[in-house]
Amino acid sequence: MTLLTDIDRYLRRTGMPETKFGRLAVRDPRLVHDLRRGRVPGPSICARVAAMLEQR
């Protein structure tokens, strides 16, 4: 799975808006939008997102 796929599943399951997810995970409300447009996250962003996905 890709990071964006995992995030999308999480968002559908929880009903959380993209901006809130980005804010909570990495303090960047545009994270999901930017990932959809091709942004390549670094290892620290990936780790923080993975922690967020496991947490809830």
Protein backbone atom coordinates (compact mmCIF):
# COMPACT_ATOMS: atom_id res chain seq x y z
CA MET A 1 0.00 0.00 0.00
CA THR A 2 1.04 3.55 -0.50
CA LEU A 3 0.97 6.20 2.16
CA LEU A 4 -1.81 8.08 0.40
CA THR A 5 -3.93 4.93 0.09
CA ASP A 6 -3.56 4.29 3.81
CA ILE A 7 -4.49 7.88 4.60
CA ASP A 8 -7.55 7.70 2.32
CA ARG A 9 -8.76 4.54 4.05
CA TYR A 10 -8.28 6.17 7.43
CA LEU A 11 -10.18 9.28 6.36
CA ARG A 12 -13.09 7.24 5.02
CA ARG A 13 -13.22 5.07 8.14
CA THR A 14 -13.10 7.98 10.59
CA GLY A 15 -14.85 10.68 8.58
CA MET A 16 -12.01 13.08 9.41
CA PRO A 17 -11.39 15.96 6.99
CA GLU A 18 -8.08 15.94 5.09
CA THR A 19 -7.00 19.24 6.59
CA LYS A 20 -7.55 18.07 10.14
CA PHE A 21 -5.58 14.89 9.49
CA GLY A 22 -2.63 16.86 8.11
CA ARG A 23 -2.76 19.30 11.01
CA LEU A 24 -2.82 16.55 13.63
CA ALA A 25 -0.23 14.33 11.94
CA VAL A 26 2.40 16.82 10.81
CA ARG A 27 1.06 20.32 11.49
CA ASP A 28 0.41 20.84 7.78
CA PRO A 29 -3.24 21.14 6.75
CA ARG A 30 -2.27 20.85 3.06
CA LEU A 31 -0.45 17.53 3.47
CA VAL A 32 -3.07 15.26 1.85
CA HIS A 33 -3.80 17.77 -0.92
CA ASP A 34 -0.09 18.07 -1.68
CA LEU A 35 0.39 14.28 -1.65
CA ARG A 36 -2.41 13.96 -4.21
CA ARG A 37 -0.58 16.47 -6.41
CA GLY A 38 2.71 14.53 -6.28
CA ARG A 39 4.47 15.70 -3.12
CA VAL A 40 7.04 13.12 -2.02
CA PRO A 41 7.21 12.98 1.78
CA GLY A 42 10.48 12.50 3.58
CA PRO A 43 11.15 9.76 6.11
CA SER A 44 10.19 11.88 9.12
CA ILE A 45 6.82 12.81 7.58
CA CYS A 46 6.17 9.15 6.72
CA ALA A 47 6.99 8.12 10.29
CA ARG A 48 4.70 10.76 11.79
CA VAL A 49 1.84 9.83 9.46
CA ALA A 50 2.33 6.12 10.22
CA ALA A 51 2.19 6.88 13.94
CA MET A 52 -1.05 8.80 13.43
CA LEU A 53 -2.58 5.95 11.44
CA GLU A 54 -1.69 3.41 14.14
CA GLN A 55 -2.87 5.62 16.98
CA ARG A 56 -6.56 5.82 16.10
